[in-house]
Amino acid sequence: MQHTEPRLNLLKAFRQRMHQALCLSAGPAGVPADGSFGVPAGDRAGVPARRFGPGAGALGGEQGSAVVEFTFLAVLLMVPVVYFVVTVGQIQGGSFAVVGAADQAAKVFVARDELADAGAAAERAVFLALGDYGHTPDNARVEVSCDRADCLSAGAKVTVTVTLDVPLPLMPFGDTVGLSAARLSASATQAVGRFL
């Protein structure tokens, strides 16, 4: 039995040194730093008893407020960030829409035989392409220009420009007020075939 007592003292001293080195106030799983197992907190020599509850120190009344503050700040900061990401997604989708719409409209225009029919077919192609991306025809404009007077003559180059106003997402009255996230524009040029 005499050999176990020095070992326990050595173990206690080792634990105390480790806790001091690691700046720990209590051991693992609630083991006190002084190594006194099973001794009530007030009975330890030189170790003051811990008090819990309101008024138990400088921060006693602050318990649980960190969760409330974190939740409030997370909502306050995350809502604008999420809205920004959604808006950037809308703008990116709109840029894909105008590029595809201009390309398809130019191809449809040069494939027609009559000028009036070509213009109407190009507009329908633009509105169909924009509709695939969720944009309405009210926010788009189509302009067709040619490098010569007869747009459908052999070798003529036809340029179709599509302009789109991308509305702000989740704005119920954005159309009536005229709010838009961006104005996007894309052009595509096609040549009329030499052999008709």
C-alpha atoms as a PDB file:
ATOM      1  CA  MET A   1       0.000   0.000   0.000  1.00  0.00           C
ATOM      2  CA  GLN A   2       2.910   2.313   0.618  1.00  0.00           C
ATOM      3  CA  HIS A   3       3.955   2.117  -3.011  1.00  0.00           C
ATOM      4  CA  THR A   4       0.526   3.262  -4.291  1.00  0.00           C
ATOM      5  CA  GLU A   5       0.501   6.501  -2.282  1.00  0.00           C
ATOM      6  CA  PRO A   6       3.609   8.002  -3.996  1.00  0.00           C
ATOM      7  CA  ARG A   7       2.186   6.982  -7.362  1.00  0.00           C
ATOM      8  CA  LEU A   8      -1.093   8.798  -6.674  1.00  0.00           C
ATOM      9  CA  ASN A   9       0.796  11.899  -5.566  1.00  0.00           C
ATOM     10  CA  LEU A  10       2.956  11.704  -8.679  1.00  0.00           C
ATOM     11  CA  LEU A  11      -0.158  11.306 -10.841  1.00  0.00           C
ATOM     12  CA  LYS A  12      -1.811  14.311  -9.163  1.00  0.00           C
ATOM     13  CA  ALA A  13       1.297  16.418  -9.665  1.00  0.00           C
ATOM     14  CA  PHE A  14       1.501  15.373 -13.322  1.00  0.00           C
ATOM     15  CA  ARG A  15      -2.156  16.304 -13.898  1.00  0.00           C
ATOM     16  CA  GLN A  16      -1.682  19.665 -12.227  1.00  0.00           C
ATOM     17  CA  ARG A  17       1.377  20.425 -14.380  1.00  0.00           C
ATOM     18  CA  MET A  18      -0.461  19.373 -17.550  1.00  0.00           C
ATOM     19  CA  HIS A  19      -3.452  21.540 -16.720  1.00  0.00           C
ATOM     20  CA  GLN A  20      -1.204  24.504 -15.998  1.00  0.00           C
ATOM     21  CA  ALA A  21       0.741  23.957 -19.207  1.00  0.00           C
ATOM     22  CA  LEU A  22      -2.436  23.702 -21.247  1.00  0.00           C
ATOM     23  CA  CYS A  23      -4.110  26.597 -19.407  1.00  0.00           C
ATOM     24  CA  LEU A  24      -6.993  24.410 -18.299  1.00  0.00           C
ATOM     25  CA  SER A  25      -9.033  25.135 -15.201  1.00  0.00           C
ATOM     26  CA  ALA A  26     -10.621  21.687 -14.929  1.00  0.00           C
ATOM     27  CA  GLY A  27      -9.581  18.276 -16.097  1.00  0.00           C
ATOM     28  CA  PRO A  28     -11.267  16.147 -18.711  1.00  0.00           C
ATOM     29  CA  ALA A  29     -14.917  15.286 -18.118  1.00  0.00           C
ATOM     30  CA  GLY A  30     -15.217  17.512 -15.056  1.00  0.00           C
ATOM     31  CA  VAL A  31     -12.097  16.323 -13.211  1.00  0.00           C
ATOM     32  CA  PRO A  32     -10.841  19.279 -11.135  1.00  0.00           C
ATOM     33  CA  ALA A  33      -7.369  20.651 -11.811  1.00  0.00           C
ATOM     34  CA  ASP A  34      -6.207  19.919  -8.292  1.00  0.00           C
ATOM     35  CA  GLY A  35      -6.943  16.220  -8.670  1.00  0.00           C
ATOM     36  CA  SER A  36      -9.433  16.045  -5.780  1.00  0.00           C
ATOM     37  CA  PHE A  37     -11.932  13.414  -6.890  1.00  0.00           C
ATOM     38  CA  GLY A  38     -15.306  13.203  -5.199  1.00  0.00           C
ATOM     39  CA  VAL A  39     -14.639  16.099  -2.815  1.00  0.00           C
ATOM     40  CA  PRO A  40     -17.345  18.818  -2.765  1.00  0.00           C
ATOM     41  CA  ALA A  41     -16.171  22.132  -4.175  1.00  0.00           C
ATOM     42  CA  GLY A  42     -16.415  23.991  -0.873  1.00  0.00           C
ATOM     43  CA  ASP A  43     -14.401  21.353   0.999  1.00  0.00           C
ATOM     44  CA  ARG A  44     -11.265  21.665  -1.111  1.00  0.00           C
ATOM     45  CA  ALA A  45      -8.491  23.494   0.624  1.00  0.00           C
ATOM     46  CA  GLY A  46      -7.842  26.861  -0.993  1.00  0.00           C
ATOM     47  CA  VAL A  47     -10.264  26.256  -3.895  1.00  0.00           C
ATOM     48  CA  PRO A  48     -13.268  28.579  -3.863  1.00  0.00           C
ATOM     49  CA  ALA A  49     -16.689  27.142  -4.590  1.00  0.00           C
ATOM     50  CA  ARG A  50     -18.167  28.017  -8.011  1.00  0.00           C
ATOM     51  CA  ARG A  51     -21.469  29.812  -8.113  1.00  0.00           C
ATOM     52  CA  PHE A  52     -23.928  29.550 -10.969  1.00  0.00           C
ATOM     53  CA  GLY A  53     -27.052  31.469 -11.882  1.00  0.00           C
ATOM     54  CA  PRO A  54     -27.867  35.201 -11.927  1.00  0.00           C
ATOM     55  CA  GLY A  55     -25.225  37.366 -10.315  1.00  0.00           C
ATOM     56  CA  ALA A  56     -22.586  34.603 -10.349  1.00  0.00           C
ATOM     57  CA  GLY A  57     -19.783  36.770 -11.596  1.00  0.00           C
ATOM     58  CA  ALA A  58     -19.366  39.473 -14.191  1.00  0.00           C
ATOM     59  CA  LEU A  59     -20.890  37.442 -17.033  1.00  0.00           C
ATOM     60  CA  GLY A  60     -23.497  35.519 -15.061  1.00  0.00           C
ATOM     61  CA  GLY A  61     -26.462  37.419 -16.520  1.00  0.00           C
ATOM     62  CA  GLU A  62     -25.122  37.076 -20.089  1.00  0.00           C
ATOM     63  CA  GLN A  63     -25.584  33.317 -20.427  1.00  0.00           C
ATOM     64  CA  GLY A  64     -27.482  32.393 -23.607  1.00  0.00           C
ATOM     65  CA  SER A  65     -27.286  35.844 -25.164  1.00  0.00           C
ATOM     66  CA  ALA A  66     -24.570  34.767 -27.619  1.00  0.00           C
ATOM     67  CA  VAL A  67     -27.016  32.440 -29.354  1.00  0.00           C
ATOM     68  CA  VAL A  68     -29.569  35.229 -29.704  1.00  0.00           C
ATOM     69  CA  GLU A  69     -26.962  37.682 -30.998  1.00  0.00           C
ATOM     70  CA  PHE A  70     -25.560  35.166 -33.456  1.00  0.00           C
ATOM     71  CA  THR A  71     -29.033  34.329 -34.805  1.00  0.00           C
ATOM     72  CA  PHE A  72     -29.930  37.999 -35.192  1.00  0.00           C
ATOM     73  CA  LEU A  73     -26.667  38.877 -36.944  1.00  0.00           C
ATOM     74  CA  ALA A  74     -26.777  35.775 -39.140  1.00  0.00           C
ATOM     75  CA  VAL A  75     -30.225  36.699 -40.426  1.00  0.00           C
ATOM     76  CA  LEU A  76     -29.254  40.337 -40.782  1.00  0.00           C
ATOM     77  CA  LEU A  77     -26.164  39.508 -42.828  1.00  0.00           C
ATOM     78  CA  MET A  78     -27.341  36.441 -44.741  1.00  0.00           C
ATOM     79  CA  VAL A  79     -30.508  37.931 -46.245  1.00  0.00           C
ATOM     80  CA  PRO A  80     -28.627  40.546 -48.326  1.00  0.00           C
ATOM     81  CA  VAL A  81     -25.983  38.013 -49.318  1.00  0.00           C
ATOM     82  CA  VAL A  82     -28.614  35.527 -50.524  1.00  0.00           C
ATOM     83  CA  TYR A  83     -30.479  38.290 -52.376  1.00  0.00           C
ATOM     84  CA  PHE A  84     -27.221  39.350 -54.056  1.00  0.00           C
ATOM     85  CA  VAL A  85     -26.537  35.766 -55.173  1.00  0.00           C
ATOM     86  CA  VAL A  86     -30.076  35.418 -56.578  1.00  0.00           C
ATOM     87  CA  THR A  87     -29.725  38.743 -58.431  1.00  0.00           C
ATOM     88  CA  VAL A  88     -26.389  37.711 -59.942  1.00  0.00           C
ATOM     89  CA  GLY A  89     -28.020  34.444 -61.036  1.00  0.00           C
ATOM     90  CA  GLN A  90     -30.826  36.391 -62.728  1.00  0.00           C
ATOM     91  CA  ILE A  91     -28.319  38.563 -64.558  1.00  0.00           C
ATOM     92  CA  GLN A  92     -26.297  35.534 -65.661  1.00  0.00           C
ATOM     93  CA  GLY A  93     -29.441  33.807 -66.912  1.00  0.00           C
ATOM     94  CA  GLY A  94     -30.413  36.987 -68.756  1.00  0.00           C
ATOM     95  CA  SER A  95     -27.022  37.151 -70.462  1.00  0.00           C
ATOM     96  CA  PHE A  96     -27.407  33.561 -71.666  1.00  0.00           C
ATOM     97  CA  ALA A  97     -30.910  34.426 -72.881  1.00  0.00           C
ATOM     98  CA  VAL A  98     -29.926  37.467 -74.959  1.00  0.00           C
ATOM     99  CA  VAL A  99     -26.970  35.693 -76.581  1.00  0.00           C
ATOM    100  CA  GLY A 100     -29.121  32.707 -77.554  1.00  0.00           C
ATOM    101  CA  ALA A 101     -32.013  34.894 -78.675  1.00  0.00           C
ATOM    102  CA  ALA A 102     -29.836  37.086 -80.919  1.00  0.00           C
ATOM    103  CA  ASP A 103     -28.175  34.058 -82.490  1.00  0.00           C
ATOM    104  CA  GLN A 104     -31.453  32.284 -83.220  1.00  0.00           C
ATOM    105  CA  ALA A 105     -33.120  35.442 -84.514  1.00  0.00           C
ATOM    106  CA  ALA A 106     -30.293  36.107 -86.975  1.00  0.00           C
ATOM    107  CA  LYS A 107     -30.438  32.520 -88.268  1.00  0.00           C
ATOM    108  CA  VAL A 108     -34.222  32.653 -88.661  1.00  0.00           C
ATOM    109  CA  PHE A 109     -34.069  36.048 -90.391  1.00  0.00           C
ATOM    110  CA  VAL A 110     -31.662  34.974 -93.136  1.00  0.00           C
ATOM    111  CA  ALA A 111     -33.623  31.756 -93.782  1.00  0.00           C
ATOM    112  CA  ARG A 112     -36.798  33.642 -94.865  1.00  0.00           C
ATOM    113  CA  ASP A 113     -37.707  34.758 -98.365  1.00  0.00           C
ATOM    114  CA  GLU A 114     -39.649  37.964 -97.652  1.00  0.00           C
ATOM    115  CA  LEU A 115     -38.493  40.896 -95.521  1.00  0.00           C
ATOM    116  CA  ALA A 116     -41.767  41.387 -93.581  1.00  0.00           C
ATOM    117  CA  ASP A 117     -41.965  37.671 -92.786  1.00  0.00           C
ATOM    118  CA  ALA A 118     -38.276  37.628 -91.776  1.00  0.00           C
ATOM    119  CA  GLY A 119     -38.725  40.435 -89.229  1.00  0.00           C
ATOM    120  CA  ALA A 120     -41.769  38.813 -87.626  1.00  0.00           C
ATOM    121  CA  ALA A 121     -40.075  35.406 -87.517  1.00  0.00           C
ATOM    122  CA  ALA A 122     -36.974  36.930 -85.891  1.00  0.00           C
ATOM    123  CA  GLU A 123     -39.101  38.595 -83.193  1.00  0.00           C
ATOM    124  CA  ARG A 124     -40.941  35.327 -82.487  1.00  0.00           C
ATOM    125  CA  ALA A 125     -37.593  33.535 -82.183  1.00  0.00           C
ATOM    126  CA  VAL A 126     -36.349  36.166 -79.717  1.00  0.00           C
ATOM    127  CA  PHE A 127     -39.465  35.982 -77.553  1.00  0.00           C
ATOM    128  CA  LEU A 128     -39.396  32.184 -77.561  1.00  0.00           C
ATOM    129  CA  ALA A 129     -35.721  32.104 -76.509  1.00  0.00           C
ATOM    130  CA  LEU A 130     -36.282  34.683 -73.772  1.00  0.00           C
ATOM    131  CA  GLY A 131     -39.355  32.803 -72.560  1.00  0.00           C
ATOM    132  CA  ASP A 132     -37.241  29.680 -72.117  1.00  0.00           C
ATOM    133  CA  TYR A 133     -35.199  31.626 -69.552  1.00  0.00           C
ATOM    134  CA  GLY A 134     -38.262  33.075 -67.824  1.00  0.00           C
ATOM    135  CA  HIS A 135     -38.158  36.597 -69.266  1.00  0.00           C
ATOM    136  CA  THR A 136     -41.195  38.363 -70.692  1.00  0.00           C
ATOM    137  CA  PRO A 137     -41.289  40.064 -74.109  1.00  0.00           C
ATOM    138  CA  ASP A 138     -42.181  43.367 -72.398  1.00  0.00           C
ATOM    139  CA  ASN A 139     -38.599  43.734 -71.152  1.00  0.00           C
ATOM    140  CA  ALA A 140     -36.944  43.050 -74.536  1.00  0.00           C
ATOM    141  CA  ARG A 141     -36.240  45.029 -77.706  1.00  0.00           C
ATOM    142  CA  VAL A 142     -35.153  43.634 -81.068  1.00  0.00           C
ATOM    143  CA  GLU A 143     -33.269  45.616 -83.704  1.00  0.00           C
ATOM    144  CA  VAL A 144     -32.335  44.305 -87.141  1.00  0.00           C
ATOM    145  CA  SER A 145     -29.744  46.018 -89.311  1.00  0.00           C
ATOM    146  CA  CYS A 146     -28.213  45.104 -92.660  1.00  0.00           C
ATOM    147  CA  ASP A 147     -25.073  46.099 -94.529  1.00  0.00           C
ATOM    148  CA  ARG A 148     -27.034  46.930 -97.690  1.00  0.00           C
ATOM    149  CA  ALA A 149     -30.490  48.159 -98.710  1.00  0.00           C
ATOM    150  CA  ASP A 150     -31.901  44.732 -99.601  1.00  0.00           C
ATOM    151  CA  CYS A 151     -31.410  42.698 -96.425  1.00  0.00           C
ATOM    152  CA  LEU A 152     -32.263  39.375 -98.078  1.00  0.00           C
ATOM    153  CA  SER A 153     -30.044  39.709-101.154  1.00  0.00           C
ATOM    154  CA  ALA A 154     -27.360  37.075-101.643  1.00  0.00           C
ATOM    155  CA  GLY A 155     -24.272  37.753 -99.475  1.00  0.00           C
ATOM    156  CA  ALA A 156     -25.948  40.415 -97.314  1.00  0.00           C
ATOM    157  CA  LYS A 157     -24.938  40.447 -93.651  1.00  0.00           C
ATOM    158  CA  VAL A 158     -27.794  40.759 -91.169  1.00  0.00           C
ATOM    159  CA  THR A 159     -27.125  41.806 -87.583  1.00  0.00           C
ATOM    160  CA  VAL A 160     -29.762  41.246 -84.905  1.00  0.00           C
ATOM    161  CA  THR A 161     -29.345  43.062 -81.587  1.00  0.00           C
ATOM    162  CA  VAL A 162     -31.411  41.976 -78.576  1.00  0.00           C
ATOM    163  CA  THR A 163     -31.631  44.224 -75.509  1.00  0.00           C
ATOM    164  CA  LEU A 164     -33.133  42.940 -72.254  1.00  0.00           C
ATOM    165  CA  ASP A 165     -33.893  44.701 -68.975  1.00  0.00           C
ATOM    166  CA  VAL A 166     -33.452  42.124 -66.200  1.00  0.00           C
ATOM    167  CA  PRO A 167     -35.883  42.879 -63.364  1.00  0.00           C
ATOM    168  CA  LEU A 168     -34.900  42.694 -59.715  1.00  0.00           C
ATOM    169  CA  PRO A 169     -35.958  39.334 -58.274  1.00  0.00           C
ATOM    170  CA  LEU A 170     -38.735  39.091 -55.687  1.00  0.00           C
ATOM    171  CA  MET A 171     -39.929  42.662 -56.262  1.00  0.00           C
ATOM    172  CA  PRO A 172     -43.726  42.685 -56.600  1.00  0.00           C
ATOM    173  CA  PHE A 173     -43.972  46.171 -58.144  1.00  0.00           C
ATOM    174  CA  GLY A 174     -40.616  46.270 -59.925  1.00  0.00           C
ATOM    175  CA  ASP A 175     -42.183  46.431 -63.391  1.00  0.00           C
ATOM    176  CA  THR A 176     -44.473  49.355 -62.600  1.00  0.00           C
ATOM    177  CA  VAL A 177     -41.726  51.354 -60.851  1.00  0.00           C
ATOM    178  CA  GLY A 178     -39.175  50.501 -63.525  1.00  0.00           C
ATOM    179  CA  LEU A 179     -36.576  48.878 -61.292  1.00  0.00           C
ATOM    180  CA  SER A 180     -34.134  46.639 -63.095  1.00  0.00           C
ATOM    181  CA  ALA A 181     -30.987  44.818 -62.035  1.00  0.00           C
ATOM    182  CA  ALA A 182     -29.201  45.295 -65.351  1.00  0.00           C
ATOM    183  CA  ARG A 183     -29.676  46.078 -69.024  1.00  0.00           C
ATOM    184  CA  LEU A 184     -28.119  43.386 -71.192  1.00  0.00           C
ATOM    185  CA  SER A 185     -27.464  43.444 -74.907  1.00  0.00           C
ATOM    186  CA  ALA A 186     -26.155  40.929 -77.416  1.00  0.00           C
ATOM    187  CA  SER A 187     -25.688  40.945 -81.191  1.00  0.00           C
ATOM    188  CA  ALA A 188     -25.377  38.190 -83.749  1.00  0.00           C
ATOM    189  CA  THR A 189     -24.549  38.468 -87.439  1.00  0.00           C
ATOM    190  CA  GLN A 190     -25.482  35.998 -90.179  1.00  0.00           C
ATOM    191  CA  ALA A 191     -24.862  36.161 -93.915  1.00  0.00           C
ATOM    192  CA  VAL A 192     -27.619  35.437 -96.411  1.00  0.00           C
ATOM    193  CA  GLY A 193     -26.720  32.481 -98.615  1.00  0.00           C
ATOM    194  CA  ARG A 194     -25.361  33.267-102.045  1.00  0.00           C
ATOM    195  CA  PHE A 195     -27.447  30.589-103.689  1.00  0.00           C
ATOM    196  CA  LEU A 196     -31.136  30.840-102.919  1.00  0.00           C
END
